[in-house]
Structure formats: C-alpha cells, structure tokens
Amino acid sequence: MNLEERITGHFAESARNARESAAVLTEPIARGVDLMFEALSNDHKILACGNGGSAADAQHFAAELIGRFERERLPLGAIALSVDTSILTAVGNDYSFDEVFAKQVTGLGRPGDVLFAISTSGNSKNVIAAIEAAFARDMHVVALTGKGGGRIRGLLRESDVHICVPHDRTARIQEIHLLALHCLCDGIDWHLLGDD
C-alpha cells in the first residue's frame, strides 16, 4: 500500500463509520439536544470537559454556544472546564489531576445545569470524577464516548444521555465526536430559531 492508498483508506473508513454511527446515534443525539435546550432555555448552563482532543472538543462546543454556530442568536451559557490553567495546575498540584474537573463542577455547577462529559475511552478518571460531582449537584449529564463506553457507561442514570460511538479506533471515534458536537449545536439552534 502506498501513501495515497493509505489516505484514501482513511477517508473510506471514516465515511463508513459515519454511516454506521448515524443509525445508532441519531436518537441519543436528539435526546442530548432536548436536554441541553431545556437547560439553556431555563437559564441554566452547560459545563464541558475532556482531555487532549476531547478538551479541544469541549472548548469548541463552548465557543459555538457563546458565539454562534451557523446562525446569529444571543450567547448561550457554556463553559469549557479545560481552559483555566491556573485552576488546572493548582488543583492538579494541591489535590490530584483526577480532581481538576470535579472541583470546577462543584464550584460552578447548579441544579439543572448540564455536564457535557467527553471521553474517547469512557475511562478518563477526571471525567468520571466530574460526572460524580455533577450527580452530587443535581445536574444532568450528556456523555460522549466510544469503545463501548468504558466505566462511564455504568455510571450514567436513565435520565442522562450517552452518545457512544460504535468504534474502537480513537481517530474514528473523535471524528464522530466532532460530528455529534455539531449536531448538538445545530439542534439547539433549531429549537431556538426554527428552520432556516
């Protein structure tokens, strides 16, 4: 296999994964939209967290809600918990890296808020701790995972939403995570603004 064939293979696998994921994820994404919209329309906010590429997704999501996705509207309440280096390093140093998101959820989260918990493996200890902190604050959780959902799958309540990409390869999971994130943003805007 040459380099061009390898690249073409990535595109083909990604397209196949997107088609297969659509059949499984449409319903939970729609439930996630409804849960997030309900919170935002009642003056609640969304706290988003994740590590690495998932941290970038959390920041991307918050930026789309505070700014705009594709259409003009008022800013919506969203905070990415991965951006404040002083909090991350202080909590990581003084307590544990496992607590960097949970401490923020406890300090910033209120009943009725939503935690958008992103973990490709479903096993990120600090994301799991954030979910547990969200439960203690009477918050809802929308979890975005892959690889069968890991430990997060077993934590979620019936009232939470689990969007679990049916794939085991990190790159393919993260590609669908971005697509799901865009579907969530579009769905929230659709609720707010209707069809364009």
N, C-alpha and C. Protein backbone atom coordinates (compact mmCIF):
# COMPACT_ATOMS: atom_id res chain seq x y z
N MET A 1 0.86 -1.19 0.00
CA MET A 1 0.00 0.00 0.00
C MET A 1 0.89 1.23 0.00
N ASN A 2 0.63 2.17 -0.92
CA ASN A 2 1.39 3.41 -0.93
C ASN A 2 0.67 4.47 -0.08
N LEU A 3 1.30 5.63 0.07
CA LEU A 3 0.75 6.67 0.94
C LEU A 3 -0.62 7.14 0.47
N GLU A 4 -0.79 7.33 -0.83
CA GLU A 4 -2.09 7.80 -1.33
C GLU A 4 -3.20 6.78 -1.07
N GLU A 5 -2.88 5.50 -1.20
CA GLU A 5 -3.88 4.47 -0.91
C GLU A 5 -4.22 4.47 0.59
N ARG A 6 -3.20 4.71 1.41
CA ARG A 6 -3.44 4.77 2.86
C ARG A 6 -4.38 5.92 3.21
N ILE A 7 -4.15 7.07 2.59
CA ILE A 7 -5.00 8.24 2.83
C ILE A 7 -6.42 7.97 2.35
N THR A 8 -6.56 7.41 1.16
CA THR A 8 -7.88 7.06 0.63
C THR A 8 -8.59 6.09 1.56
N GLY A 9 -7.84 5.16 2.15
CA GLY A 9 -8.41 4.21 3.09
C GLY A 9 -8.97 4.90 4.33
N HIS A 10 -8.27 5.94 4.81
CA HIS A 10 -8.79 6.70 5.96
C HIS A 10 -10.13 7.33 5.61
N PHE A 11 -10.22 7.95 4.44
CA PHE A 11 -11.48 8.57 4.03
C PHE A 11 -12.59 7.53 3.92
N ALA A 12 -12.29 6.39 3.34
CA ALA A 12 -13.31 5.35 3.16
C ALA A 12 -13.78 4.81 4.51
N GLU A 13 -12.84 4.56 5.43
CA GLU A 13 -13.22 4.05 6.74
C GLU A 13 -14.02 5.09 7.52
N SER A 14 -13.63 6.36 7.42
CA SER A 14 -14.34 7.42 8.11
C SER A 14 -15.78 7.55 7.60
N ALA A 15 -15.94 7.49 6.28
CA ALA A 15 -17.28 7.61 5.69
C ALA A 15 -18.15 6.43 6.10
N ARG A 16 -17.59 5.23 6.11
CA ARG A 16 -18.34 4.03 6.53
C ARG A 16 -18.74 4.15 8.00
N ASN A 17 -17.82 4.63 8.83
CA ASN A 17 -18.10 4.80 10.25
C ASN A 17 -19.20 5.84 10.47
N ALA A 18 -19.19 6.91 9.70
CA ALA A 18 -20.22 7.94 9.83
C ALA A 18 -21.60 7.37 9.50
N ARG A 19 -21.68 6.59 8.42
CA ARG A 19 -22.97 5.98 8.05
C ARG A 19 -23.46 5.02 9.13
N GLU A 20 -22.56 4.17 9.64
CA GLU A 20 -22.95 3.20 10.66
C GLU A 20 -23.31 3.90 11.98
N SER A 21 -22.60 4.97 12.31
CA SER A 21 -22.87 5.70 13.55
C SER A 21 -24.21 6.41 13.49
N ALA A 22 -24.58 6.92 12.33
CA ALA A 22 -25.84 7.64 12.19
C ALA A 22 -27.02 6.77 12.62
N ALA A 23 -26.96 5.48 12.27
CA ALA A 23 -28.05 4.57 12.61
C ALA A 23 -28.18 4.38 14.12
N VAL A 24 -27.06 4.48 14.84
CA VAL A 24 -27.04 4.21 16.28
C VAL A 24 -27.17 5.49 17.11
N LEU A 25 -26.65 6.59 16.60
CA LEU A 25 -26.50 7.79 17.42
C LEU A 25 -27.57 8.86 17.22
N THR A 26 -28.38 8.76 16.19
CA THR A 26 -29.37 9.80 15.93
C THR A 26 -30.28 10.02 17.13
N GLU A 27 -30.81 8.95 17.69
CA GLU A 27 -31.74 9.08 18.82
C GLU A 27 -31.07 9.66 20.07
N PRO A 28 -29.90 9.15 20.51
CA PRO A 28 -29.29 9.77 21.69
C PRO A 28 -28.84 11.21 21.44
N ILE A 29 -28.40 11.54 20.25
CA ILE A 29 -28.03 12.93 19.97
C ILE A 29 -29.27 13.82 20.09
N ALA A 30 -30.40 13.37 19.55
CA ALA A 30 -31.64 14.15 19.65
C ALA A 30 -32.04 14.33 21.11
N ARG A 31 -31.89 13.29 21.93
CA ARG A 31 -32.18 13.41 23.36
C ARG A 31 -31.21 14.39 24.03
N GLY A 32 -29.95 14.35 23.61
CA GLY A 32 -28.97 15.30 24.15
C GLY A 32 -29.32 16.73 23.80
N VAL A 33 -29.76 16.96 22.57
CA VAL A 33 -30.22 18.29 22.16
C VAL A 33 -31.35 18.75 23.05
N ASP A 34 -32.35 17.90 23.24
CA ASP A 34 -33.51 18.28 24.06
C ASP A 34 -33.11 18.60 25.49
N LEU A 35 -32.23 17.79 26.06
CA LEU A 35 -31.79 18.01 27.44
C LEU A 35 -31.02 19.32 27.57
N MET A 36 -30.12 19.57 26.63
CA MET A 36 -29.34 20.81 26.67
C MET A 36 -30.21 22.03 26.41
N PHE A 37 -31.12 21.92 25.45
CA PHE A 37 -32.01 23.05 25.16
C PHE A 37 -32.89 23.37 26.36
N GLU A 38 -33.41 22.35 27.00
CA GLU A 38 -34.25 22.55 28.19
C GLU A 38 -33.48 23.30 29.26
N ALA A 39 -32.24 22.92 29.48
CA ALA A 39 -31.41 23.60 30.48
C ALA A 39 -31.16 25.05 30.07
N LEU A 40 -30.72 25.26 28.85
CA LEU A 40 -30.38 26.61 28.39
C LEU A 40 -31.60 27.53 28.38
N SER A 41 -32.76 27.00 28.02
CA SER A 41 -33.96 27.83 27.94
C SER A 41 -34.52 28.16 29.32
N ASN A 42 -34.00 27.49 30.36
CA ASN A 42 -34.40 27.78 31.73
C ASN A 42 -33.27 28.45 32.52
N ASP A 43 -32.42 29.16 31.78
CA ASP A 43 -31.34 29.96 32.38
C ASP A 43 -30.31 29.12 33.12
N HIS A 44 -30.11 27.88 32.65
CA HIS A 44 -29.04 27.04 33.17
C HIS A 44 -27.90 27.05 32.16
N LYS A 45 -26.81 26.40 32.48
CA LYS A 45 -25.63 26.41 31.62
C LYS A 45 -25.12 24.99 31.39
N ILE A 46 -24.18 24.90 30.46
CA ILE A 46 -23.54 23.63 30.15
C ILE A 46 -22.06 23.76 30.50
N LEU A 47 -21.57 22.83 31.30
CA LEU A 47 -20.15 22.73 31.62
C LEU A 47 -19.60 21.57 30.81
N ALA A 48 -18.52 21.81 30.06
CA ALA A 48 -17.96 20.78 29.18
C ALA A 48 -16.54 20.43 29.60
N CYS A 49 -16.22 19.13 29.58
CA CYS A 49 -14.87 18.72 29.96
C CYS A 49 -14.40 17.52 29.16
N GLY A 50 -13.09 17.40 29.08
CA GLY A 50 -12.43 16.28 28.42
C GLY A 50 -10.93 16.53 28.41
N ASN A 51 -10.18 15.53 28.01
CA ASN A 51 -8.72 15.60 27.97
C ASN A 51 -8.21 15.52 26.54
N GLY A 52 -7.11 16.20 26.26
CA GLY A 52 -6.50 16.11 24.94
C GLY A 52 -7.43 16.59 23.84
N GLY A 53 -7.68 15.73 22.85
CA GLY A 53 -8.60 16.08 21.77
C GLY A 53 -10.00 16.34 22.30
N SER A 54 -10.38 15.65 23.37
CA SER A 54 -11.69 15.87 23.97
C SER A 54 -11.75 17.23 24.66
N ALA A 55 -10.62 17.71 25.19
CA ALA A 55 -10.57 19.06 25.75
C ALA A 55 -10.80 20.09 24.64
N ALA A 56 -10.19 19.83 23.48
CA ALA A 56 -10.39 20.72 22.34
C ALA A 56 -11.86 20.72 21.91
N ASP A 57 -12.49 19.54 21.94
CA ASP A 57 -13.91 19.46 21.61
C ASP A 57 -14.76 20.22 22.63
N ALA A 58 -14.41 20.12 23.91
CA ALA A 58 -15.15 20.86 24.95
C ALA A 58 -15.05 22.36 24.71
N GLN A 59 -13.85 22.82 24.38
CA GLN A 59 -13.66 24.24 24.08
C GLN A 59 -14.42 24.65 22.83
N HIS A 60 -14.36 23.82 21.81
CA HIS A 60 -15.08 24.08 20.56
C HIS A 60 -16.57 24.23 20.83
N PHE A 61 -17.12 23.30 21.61
CA PHE A 61 -18.55 23.32 21.91
C PHE A 61 -18.93 24.60 22.65
N ALA A 62 -18.17 24.97 23.68
CA ALA A 62 -18.47 26.18 24.43
C ALA A 62 -18.38 27.41 23.54
N ALA A 63 -17.40 27.44 22.65
CA ALA A 63 -17.25 28.58 21.74
C ALA A 63 -18.44 28.71 20.80
N GLU A 64 -18.95 27.57 20.32
CA GLU A 64 -20.11 27.61 19.40
C GLU A 64 -21.35 28.13 20.12
N LEU A 65 -21.49 27.84 21.42
CA LEU A 65 -22.68 28.30 22.15
C LEU A 65 -22.54 29.76 22.57
N ILE A 66 -21.38 30.15 23.04
CA ILE A 66 -21.17 31.54 23.45
C ILE A 66 -21.18 32.46 22.23
N GLY A 67 -20.52 32.04 21.18
CA GLY A 67 -20.51 32.83 19.94
C GLY A 67 -21.74 32.50 19.11
N ARG A 68 -21.51 31.74 18.08
CA ARG A 68 -22.62 31.25 17.26
C ARG A 68 -22.16 30.00 16.55
N PHE A 69 -23.11 29.20 16.16
CA PHE A 69 -22.78 28.02 15.36
C PHE A 69 -22.83 28.43 13.89
N GLU A 70 -24.00 28.46 13.30
CA GLU A 70 -24.12 28.89 11.90
C GLU A 70 -25.05 30.09 11.72
N ARG A 71 -25.83 30.39 12.76
CA ARG A 71 -26.78 31.49 12.64
C ARG A 71 -26.66 32.41 13.84
N GLU A 72 -26.98 33.68 13.62
CA GLU A 72 -26.91 34.67 14.69
C GLU A 72 -27.99 34.41 15.73
N ARG A 73 -27.60 34.53 16.99
CA ARG A 73 -28.52 34.41 18.12
C ARG A 73 -27.80 34.96 19.34
N LEU A 74 -28.53 35.06 20.43
CA LEU A 74 -27.91 35.51 21.67
C LEU A 74 -26.92 34.45 22.18
N PRO A 75 -25.90 34.87 22.93
CA PRO A 75 -24.96 33.91 23.52
C PRO A 75 -25.69 32.96 24.48
N LEU A 76 -25.24 31.73 24.51
CA LEU A 76 -25.80 30.72 25.39
C LEU A 76 -24.76 30.33 26.43
N GLY A 77 -25.21 29.97 27.64
CA GLY A 77 -24.31 29.71 28.76
C GLY A 77 -23.55 28.41 28.64
N ALA A 78 -22.26 28.50 28.38
CA ALA A 78 -21.40 27.32 28.29
C ALA A 78 -20.00 27.66 28.76
N ILE A 79 -19.40 26.73 29.49
CA ILE A 79 -18.04 26.91 30.00
C ILE A 79 -17.26 25.63 29.72
N ALA A 80 -16.08 25.77 29.11
CA ALA A 80 -15.16 24.64 28.96
C ALA A 80 -14.26 24.59 30.19
N LEU A 81 -14.24 23.48 30.88
CA LEU A 81 -13.50 23.36 32.13
C LEU A 81 -12.02 23.04 31.93
N SER A 82 -11.59 22.99 30.68
CA SER A 82 -10.20 22.65 30.38
C SER A 82 -9.34 23.86 30.06
N VAL A 83 -9.85 25.07 30.22
CA VAL A 83 -9.13 26.24 29.71
C VAL A 83 -8.40 27.07 30.76
N ASP A 84 -8.76 26.97 32.01
CA ASP A 84 -8.15 27.83 33.04
C ASP A 84 -6.92 27.14 33.61
N THR A 85 -5.74 27.52 33.10
CA THR A 85 -4.51 26.84 33.51
C THR A 85 -4.19 27.04 34.98
N SER A 86 -4.59 28.16 35.57
CA SER A 86 -4.35 28.36 36.99
C SER A 86 -5.15 27.36 37.83
N ILE A 87 -6.43 27.17 37.47
CA ILE A 87 -7.24 26.18 38.19
C ILE A 87 -6.70 24.78 37.96
N LEU A 88 -6.42 24.44 36.70
CA LEU A 88 -5.96 23.09 36.39
C LEU A 88 -4.67 22.75 37.11
N THR A 89 -3.72 23.69 37.12
CA THR A 89 -2.44 23.39 37.76
C THR A 89 -2.52 23.46 39.28
N ALA A 90 -3.33 24.37 39.82
CA ALA A 90 -3.48 24.44 41.27
C ALA A 90 -4.15 23.18 41.82
N VAL A 91 -5.25 22.79 41.21
CA VAL A 91 -5.96 21.59 41.68
C VAL A 91 -5.12 20.34 41.42
N GLY A 92 -4.49 20.28 40.24
CA GLY A 92 -3.64 19.14 39.93
C GLY A 92 -2.49 19.01 40.91
N ASN A 93 -1.89 20.12 41.30
CA ASN A 93 -0.76 20.11 42.22
C ASN A 93 -1.19 19.88 43.66
N ASP A 94 -2.23 20.59 44.09
CA ASP A 94 -2.62 20.55 45.50
C ASP A 94 -3.48 19.34 45.85
N TYR A 95 -4.20 18.80 44.89
CA TYR A 95 -5.08 17.66 45.14
C TYR A 95 -4.65 16.49 44.25
N SER A 96 -5.16 16.47 43.04
CA SER A 96 -4.85 15.41 42.09
C SER A 96 -5.39 15.83 40.73
N PHE A 97 -4.72 15.38 39.67
CA PHE A 97 -5.24 15.67 38.33
C PHE A 97 -6.63 15.07 38.15
N ASP A 98 -6.92 14.02 38.89
CA ASP A 98 -8.24 13.40 38.81
C ASP A 98 -9.35 14.35 39.27
N GLU A 99 -9.01 15.42 39.99
CA GLU A 99 -10.00 16.33 40.55
C GLU A 99 -10.15 17.64 39.76
N VAL A 100 -9.40 17.82 38.67
CA VAL A 100 -9.36 19.14 38.01
C VAL A 100 -10.72 19.57 37.47
N PHE A 101 -11.55 18.64 37.04
CA PHE A 101 -12.88 19.00 36.54
C PHE A 101 -13.93 18.93 37.66
N ALA A 102 -13.81 17.97 38.55
CA ALA A 102 -14.79 17.81 39.62
C ALA A 102 -14.85 19.03 40.52
N LYS A 103 -13.69 19.60 40.84
CA LYS A 103 -13.67 20.81 41.69
C LYS A 103 -14.43 21.94 41.00
N GLN A 104 -14.26 22.08 39.69
CA GLN A 104 -14.95 23.15 38.96
C GLN A 104 -16.45 22.88 38.87
N VAL A 105 -16.83 21.62 38.68
CA VAL A 105 -18.25 21.28 38.65
C VAL A 105 -18.89 21.61 39.99
N THR A 106 -18.20 21.28 41.07
CA THR A 106 -18.72 21.57 42.41
C THR A 106 -18.84 23.07 42.64
N GLY A 107 -17.85 23.84 42.16
CA GLY A 107 -17.87 25.28 42.38
C GLY A 107 -18.79 26.05 41.44
N LEU A 108 -18.94 25.58 40.22
CA LEU A 108 -19.70 26.32 39.21
C LEU A 108 -21.07 25.71 38.90
N GLY A 109 -21.22 24.42 39.10
CA GLY A 109 -22.45 23.74 38.71
C GLY A 109 -23.59 24.01 39.67
N ARG A 110 -24.78 24.08 39.11
CA ARG A 110 -26.01 24.29 39.88
C ARG A 110 -27.05 23.27 39.44
N PRO A 111 -28.00 22.96 40.31
CA PRO A 111 -29.07 22.04 39.90
C PRO A 111 -29.72 22.52 38.61
N GLY A 112 -29.90 21.60 37.67
CA GLY A 112 -30.49 21.93 36.38
C GLY A 112 -29.47 22.20 35.30
N ASP A 113 -28.20 22.43 35.67
CA ASP A 113 -27.14 22.58 34.67
C ASP A 113 -26.86 21.22 34.03
N VAL A 114 -26.10 21.23 32.94
CA VAL A 114 -25.74 20.00 32.23
C VAL A 114 -24.22 19.90 32.19
N LEU A 115 -23.70 18.72 32.49
CA LEU A 115 -22.29 18.43 32.27
C LEU A 115 -22.18 17.69 30.94
N PHE A 116 -21.38 18.23 30.04
CA PHE A 116 -21.07 17.59 28.77
C PHE A 116 -19.71 16.91 28.96
N ALA A 117 -19.73 15.62 29.21
CA ALA A 117 -18.54 14.85 29.58
C ALA A 117 -18.03 14.08 28.37
N ILE A 118 -16.82 14.40 27.92
CA ILE A 118 -16.28 13.80 26.71
C ILE A 118 -15.06 12.94 27.05
N SER A 119 -15.11 11.66 26.67
CA SER A 119 -14.00 10.74 26.90
C SER A 119 -14.04 9.67 25.83
N THR A 120 -13.02 9.63 24.99
CA THR A 120 -12.98 8.66 23.90
C THR A 120 -13.09 7.23 24.43
N SER A 121 -12.38 6.94 25.51
CA SER A 121 -12.37 5.58 26.08
C SER A 121 -13.53 5.33 27.03
N GLY A 122 -14.07 6.41 27.60
CA GLY A 122 -15.07 6.25 28.65
C GLY A 122 -14.47 5.94 30.00
N ASN A 123 -13.15 6.03 30.10
CA ASN A 123 -12.46 5.65 31.33
C ASN A 123 -11.62 6.77 31.95
N SER A 124 -11.72 7.99 31.46
CA SER A 124 -10.91 9.09 31.99
C SER A 124 -11.31 9.37 33.43
N LYS A 125 -10.35 9.21 34.35
CA LYS A 125 -10.66 9.33 35.77
C LYS A 125 -11.19 10.71 36.13
N ASN A 126 -10.62 11.76 35.54
CA ASN A 126 -11.09 13.10 35.91
C ASN A 126 -12.47 13.41 35.31
N VAL A 127 -12.81 12.82 34.21
CA VAL A 127 -14.15 12.99 33.64
C VAL A 127 -15.16 12.21 34.48
N ILE A 128 -14.79 11.01 34.92
CA ILE A 128 -15.65 10.23 35.80
C ILE A 128 -15.90 10.98 37.11
N ALA A 129 -14.84 11.57 37.68
CA ALA A 129 -15.00 12.35 38.92
C ALA A 129 -15.92 13.55 38.68
N ALA A 130 -15.83 14.16 37.50
CA ALA A 130 -16.71 15.28 37.17
C ALA A 130 -18.17 14.83 37.09
N ILE A 131 -18.40 13.65 36.52
CA ILE A 131 -19.76 13.11 36.46
C ILE A 131 -20.31 12.88 37.86
N GLU A 132 -19.50 12.30 38.72
CA GLU A 132 -19.93 12.07 40.10
C GLU A 132 -20.22 13.40 40.81
N ALA A 133 -19.41 14.42 40.56
CA ALA A 133 -19.66 15.74 41.15
C ALA A 133 -20.95 16.34 40.59
N ALA A 134 -21.21 16.11 39.30
CA ALA A 134 -22.45 16.62 38.69
C ALA A 134 -23.67 15.97 39.34
N PHE A 135 -23.58 14.67 39.59
CA PHE A 135 -24.69 13.98 40.26
C PHE A 135 -24.94 14.61 41.64
N ALA A 136 -23.86 14.91 42.35
CA ALA A 136 -24.00 15.50 43.70
C ALA A 136 -24.61 16.89 43.64
N ARG A 137 -24.46 17.58 42.51
CA ARG A 137 -25.01 18.93 42.33
C ARG A 137 -26.39 18.88 41.66
N ASP A 138 -26.97 17.70 41.47
CA ASP A 138 -28.27 17.53 40.83
C ASP A 138 -28.27 18.08 39.40
N MET A 139 -27.19 17.78 38.69
CA MET A 139 -27.05 18.17 37.29
C MET A 139 -27.34 16.97 36.39
N HIS A 140 -27.69 17.25 35.15
CA HIS A 140 -27.85 16.22 34.13
C HIS A 140 -26.49 16.01 33.46
N VAL A 141 -26.32 14.86 32.81
CA VAL A 141 -25.07 14.55 32.11
C VAL A 141 -25.38 14.10 30.70
N VAL A 142 -24.65 14.67 29.75
CA VAL A 142 -24.60 14.15 28.39
C VAL A 142 -23.16 13.68 28.21
N ALA A 143 -22.98 12.38 27.99
CA ALA A 143 -21.63 11.81 27.84
C ALA A 143 -21.40 11.42 26.39
N LEU A 144 -20.20 11.76 25.91
CA LEU A 144 -19.77 11.46 24.55
C LEU A 144 -18.57 10.54 24.67
N THR A 145 -18.74 9.26 24.28
CA THR A 145 -17.69 8.26 24.45
C THR A 145 -17.53 7.43 23.19
N GLY A 146 -16.72 6.40 23.29
CA GLY A 146 -16.54 5.39 22.27
C GLY A 146 -16.08 4.11 22.95
N LYS A 147 -15.59 3.15 22.18
CA LYS A 147 -15.01 1.92 22.73
C LYS A 147 -15.95 1.22 23.73
N GLY A 148 -17.24 1.26 23.47
CA GLY A 148 -18.20 0.60 24.36
C GLY A 148 -18.63 1.43 25.56
N GLY A 149 -18.05 2.60 25.73
CA GLY A 149 -18.46 3.49 26.81
C GLY A 149 -17.65 3.40 28.08
N GLY A 150 -16.81 2.35 28.21
CA GLY A 150 -15.95 2.22 29.38
C GLY A 150 -16.72 2.29 30.69
N ARG A 151 -16.06 2.82 31.71
CA ARG A 151 -16.68 2.92 33.04
C ARG A 151 -17.83 3.91 33.06
N ILE A 152 -17.78 4.90 32.17
CA ILE A 152 -18.84 5.92 32.15
C ILE A 152 -20.20 5.28 31.87
N ARG A 153 -20.22 4.29 30.99
CA ARG A 153 -21.49 3.64 30.64
C ARG A 153 -22.23 3.17 31.89
N GLY A 154 -21.53 2.57 32.82
CA GLY A 154 -22.15 2.04 34.03
C GLY A 154 -22.54 3.09 35.05
N LEU A 155 -22.00 4.29 34.92
CA LEU A 155 -22.30 5.36 35.88
C LEU A 155 -23.59 6.10 35.57
N LEU A 156 -23.91 6.21 34.29
CA LEU A 156 -25.00 7.10 33.88
C LEU A 156 -26.36 6.60 34.34
N ARG A 157 -27.20 7.56 34.66
CA ARG A 157 -28.57 7.27 35.08
C ARG A 157 -29.50 7.26 33.86
N GLU A 158 -30.69 6.78 34.06
CA GLU A 158 -31.65 6.72 32.95
C GLU A 158 -31.98 8.10 32.41
N SER A 159 -31.91 9.13 33.25
CA SER A 159 -32.23 10.49 32.83
C SER A 159 -31.07 11.17 32.10
N ASP A 160 -29.88 10.54 32.10
CA ASP A 160 -28.74 11.09 31.39
C ASP A 160 -28.76 10.61 29.93
N VAL A 161 -27.85 11.14 29.14
CA VAL A 161 -27.76 10.76 27.73
C VAL A 161 -26.35 10.25 27.44
N HIS A 162 -26.28 9.09 26.80
CA HIS A 162 -24.98 8.51 26.44
C HIS A 162 -24.90 8.40 24.92
N ILE A 163 -23.97 9.14 24.36
CA ILE A 163 -23.71 9.12 22.92
C ILE A 163 -22.40 8.35 22.75
N CYS A 164 -22.50 7.07 22.44
CA CYS A 164 -21.33 6.19 22.40
C CYS A 164 -21.06 5.75 20.96
N VAL A 165 -19.97 6.24 20.40
CA VAL A 165 -19.62 5.91 19.02
C VAL A 165 -19.27 4.42 18.92
N PRO A 166 -19.90 3.70 18.00
CA PRO A 166 -19.69 2.25 17.90
C PRO A 166 -18.40 1.91 17.14
N HIS A 167 -17.27 2.29 17.71
CA HIS A 167 -15.98 2.02 17.08
C HIS A 167 -14.93 1.92 18.17
N ASP A 168 -13.80 1.29 17.86
CA ASP A 168 -12.72 1.13 18.83
C ASP A 168 -11.48 1.95 18.48
N ARG A 169 -11.44 2.52 17.29
CA ARG A 169 -10.26 3.28 16.87
C ARG A 169 -10.43 4.74 17.27
N THR A 170 -9.44 5.27 17.99
CA THR A 170 -9.53 6.61 18.54
C THR A 170 -9.82 7.66 17.48
N ALA A 171 -9.11 7.64 16.37
CA ALA A 171 -9.30 8.66 15.33
C ALA A 171 -10.73 8.64 14.80
N ARG A 172 -11.28 7.45 14.56
CA ARG A 172 -12.65 7.35 14.04
C ARG A 172 -13.66 7.81 15.08
N ILE A 173 -13.42 7.50 16.35
CA ILE A 173 -14.32 7.96 17.42
C ILE A 173 -14.32 9.47 17.48
N GLN A 174 -13.14 10.07 17.46
CA GLN A 174 -13.04 11.52 17.59
C GLN A 174 -13.65 12.25 16.39
N GLU A 175 -13.58 11.64 15.21
CA GLU A 175 -14.23 12.24 14.05
C GLU A 175 -15.75 12.30 14.25
N ILE A 176 -16.31 11.24 14.78
CA ILE A 176 -17.76 11.22 15.02
C ILE A 176 -18.11 12.12 16.20
N HIS A 177 -17.23 12.23 17.18
CA HIS A 177 -17.47 13.16 18.28
C HIS A 177 -17.66 14.58 17.75
N LEU A 178 -16.82 14.98 16.82
CA LEU A 178 -16.95 16.33 16.25
C LEU A 178 -18.27 16.47 15.51
N LEU A 179 -18.65 15.46 14.75
CA LEU A 179 -19.92 15.50 14.04
C LEU A 179 -21.10 15.55 15.02
N ALA A 180 -21.04 14.75 16.08
CA ALA A 180 -22.10 14.77 17.09
C ALA A 180 -22.18 16.13 17.77
N LEU A 181 -21.03 16.71 18.08
CA LEU A 181 -20.98 18.04 18.68
C LEU A 181 -21.68 19.07 17.78
N HIS A 182 -21.40 19.01 16.48
CA HIS A 182 -22.04 19.92 15.54
C HIS A 182 -23.54 19.66 15.46
N CYS A 183 -23.95 18.40 15.53
CA CYS A 183 -25.39 18.08 15.54
C CYS A 183 -26.06 18.65 16.79
N LEU A 184 -25.39 18.57 17.94
CA LEU A 184 -25.94 19.15 19.17
C LEU A 184 -26.11 20.66 19.01
N CYS A 185 -25.09 21.34 18.49
CA CYS A 185 -25.17 22.79 18.30
C CYS A 185 -26.29 23.15 17.33
N ASP A 186 -26.37 22.43 16.22
CA ASP A 186 -27.41 22.69 15.23
C ASP A 186 -28.80 22.44 15.80
N GLY A 187 -28.93 21.37 16.58
CA GLY A 187 -30.23 21.06 17.17
C GLY A 187 -30.69 22.11 18.17
N ILE A 188 -29.75 22.61 18.97
CA ILE A 188 -30.08 23.68 19.91
C ILE A 188 -30.54 24.91 19.15
N ASP A 189 -29.81 25.26 18.10
CA ASP A 189 -30.22 26.42 17.28
C ASP A 189 -31.56 26.19 16.60
N TRP A 190 -31.81 24.97 16.17
CA TRP A 190 -33.09 24.65 15.53
C TRP A 190 -34.23 24.86 16.52
N HIS A 191 -34.05 24.43 17.76
CA HIS A 191 -35.07 24.67 18.79
C HIS A 191 -35.28 26.17 19.00
N LEU A 192 -34.19 26.92 19.02
CA LEU A 192 -34.27 28.35 19.29
C LEU A 192 -34.81 29.16 18.11
N LEU A 193 -34.38 28.78 16.90
CA LEU A 193 -34.61 29.64 15.74
C LEU A 193 -35.50 29.02 14.68
N GLY A 194 -35.78 27.72 14.79
CA GLY A 194 -36.59 27.05 13.78
C GLY A 194 -35.77 26.75 12.53
N ASP A 195 -36.46 26.31 11.49
CA ASP A 195 -35.79 26.00 10.22
C ASP A 195 -35.29 27.29 9.58
N ASP A 196 -34.17 27.17 8.89
CA ASP A 196 -33.68 28.38 8.19
C ASP A 196 -34.01 28.35 6.73
